[in-house]
Amino acid sequence: MTFTVKLELASAQSLKDMPLELLADGVAVARATADETGKVLFATQVKAAKWALRVDRTILKTHRAP
């Protein structure tokens, strides 16, 4: 099964390379990044579930104050 999602931010910021996860019943089953137009394509073997999207926060780095 494939999902195509088109994302847009109200602030008009670019979503290019934004890492996202597709969740099936709360479990990440696919990961993908947005292209320059905000489109994301997910491919998964899961057939039926309660679906959700979330930002993959593993790219965020912890900044320490000097």
C-alpha atoms as a PDB file:
ATOM      1  CA  MET A   1       0.000   0.000   0.000  1.00  0.00           C
ATOM      2  CA  THR A   2       1.289   3.479  -0.743  1.00  0.00           C
ATOM      3  CA  PHE A   3       0.298   6.834   0.695  1.00  0.00           C
ATOM      4  CA  THR A   4       1.020  10.144  -0.984  1.00  0.00           C
ATOM      5  CA  VAL A   5       0.736  13.186   1.260  1.00  0.00           C
ATOM      6  CA  LYS A   6       1.002  16.861   0.301  1.00  0.00           C
ATOM      7  CA  LEU A   7       2.002  19.090   3.215  1.00  0.00           C
ATOM      8  CA  GLU A   8       1.904  22.871   3.394  1.00  0.00           C
ATOM      9  CA  LEU A   9       2.844  25.168   6.244  1.00  0.00           C
ATOM     10  CA  ALA A  10       0.813  28.305   6.914  1.00  0.00           C
ATOM     11  CA  SER A  11       4.105  30.176   7.290  1.00  0.00           C
ATOM     12  CA  ALA A  12       5.069  29.199   3.697  1.00  0.00           C
ATOM     13  CA  GLN A  13       8.371  27.723   4.930  1.00  0.00           C
ATOM     14  CA  SER A  14       9.880  24.945   2.865  1.00  0.00           C
ATOM     15  CA  LEU A  15       9.311  21.363   3.970  1.00  0.00           C
ATOM     16  CA  LYS A  16      12.085  20.037   1.725  1.00  0.00           C
ATOM     17  CA  ASP A  17      13.941  17.162   3.388  1.00  0.00           C
ATOM     18  CA  MET A  18      11.583  17.177   6.402  1.00  0.00           C
ATOM     19  CA  PRO A  19      11.741  13.613   7.788  1.00  0.00           C
ATOM     20  CA  LEU A  20       8.341  12.100   8.523  1.00  0.00           C
ATOM     21  CA  GLU A  21       7.094   8.808   9.896  1.00  0.00           C
ATOM     22  CA  LEU A  22       3.884   6.998   8.990  1.00  0.00           C
ATOM     23  CA  LEU A  23       2.325   5.416  12.066  1.00  0.00           C
ATOM     24  CA  ALA A  24      -0.021   2.417  12.061  1.00  0.00           C
ATOM     25  CA  ASP A  25      -1.798   2.045  15.394  1.00  0.00           C
ATOM     26  CA  GLY A  26       0.883   4.205  17.021  1.00  0.00           C
ATOM     27  CA  VAL A  27       3.886   2.290  15.634  1.00  0.00           C
ATOM     28  CA  ALA A  28       6.216   3.733  12.975  1.00  0.00           C
ATOM     29  CA  VAL A  29       5.912   1.542   9.864  1.00  0.00           C
ATOM     30  CA  ALA A  30       7.493   3.783   7.206  1.00  0.00           C
ATOM     31  CA  ARG A  31       9.787   6.796   6.945  1.00  0.00           C
ATOM     32  CA  ALA A  32      10.193   9.303   4.128  1.00  0.00           C
ATOM     33  CA  THR A  33      11.262  12.890   3.471  1.00  0.00           C
ATOM     34  CA  ALA A  34       9.317  15.681   1.815  1.00  0.00           C
ATOM     35  CA  ASP A  35      10.378  16.920  -1.604  1.00  0.00           C
ATOM     36  CA  GLU A  36      10.609  20.605  -2.581  1.00  0.00           C
ATOM     37  CA  THR A  37       6.834  20.773  -3.179  1.00  0.00           C
ATOM     38  CA  GLY A  38       5.935  19.211   0.173  1.00  0.00           C
ATOM     39  CA  LYS A  39       4.988  15.822  -1.273  1.00  0.00           C
ATOM     40  CA  VAL A  40       5.829  12.690   0.688  1.00  0.00           C
ATOM     41  CA  LEU A  41       5.421   9.094  -0.508  1.00  0.00           C
ATOM     42  CA  PHE A  42       5.169   6.233   1.972  1.00  0.00           C
ATOM     43  CA  ALA A  43       5.169   2.539   1.073  1.00  0.00           C
ATOM     44  CA  THR A  44       4.059  -0.042   3.641  1.00  0.00           C
ATOM     45  CA  GLN A  45       2.812  -3.615   3.889  1.00  0.00           C
ATOM     46  CA  VAL A  46       0.268  -2.750   6.609  1.00  0.00           C
ATOM     47  CA  LYS A  47      -3.270  -3.059   5.209  1.00  0.00           C
ATOM     48  CA  ALA A  48      -5.609  -1.703   7.892  1.00  0.00           C
ATOM     49  CA  ALA A  49      -4.791   0.503  10.845  1.00  0.00           C
ATOM     50  CA  LYS A  50      -5.420   3.814  12.538  1.00  0.00           C
ATOM     51  CA  TRP A  51      -3.043   6.041  10.550  1.00  0.00           C
ATOM     52  CA  ALA A  52      -1.091   9.110  11.689  1.00  0.00           C
ATOM     53  CA  LEU A  53       1.955  11.163  10.633  1.00  0.00           C
ATOM     54  CA  ARG A  54       4.673  12.613  12.817  1.00  0.00           C
ATOM     55  CA  VAL A  55       7.938  14.455  12.324  1.00  0.00           C
ATOM     56  CA  ASP A  56      10.925  12.142  12.781  1.00  0.00           C
ATOM     57  CA  ARG A  57      12.712  14.044  15.544  1.00  0.00           C
ATOM     58  CA  THR A  58      15.890  11.969  15.414  1.00  0.00           C
ATOM     59  CA  ILE A  59      17.465  14.695  13.245  1.00  0.00           C
ATOM     60  CA  LEU A  60      17.101  17.288  15.995  1.00  0.00           C
ATOM     61  CA  LYS A  61      20.266  17.954  17.937  1.00  0.00           C
ATOM     62  CA  THR A  62      20.476  19.017  21.549  1.00  0.00           C
ATOM     63  CA  HIS A  63      22.121  22.422  21.890  1.00  0.00           C
ATOM     64  CA  ARG A  64      23.915  23.228  25.091  1.00  0.00           C
ATOM     65  CA  ALA A  65      24.411  26.724  26.356  1.00  0.00           C
ATOM     66  CA  PRO A  66      28.095  27.739  26.559  1.00  0.00           C
END
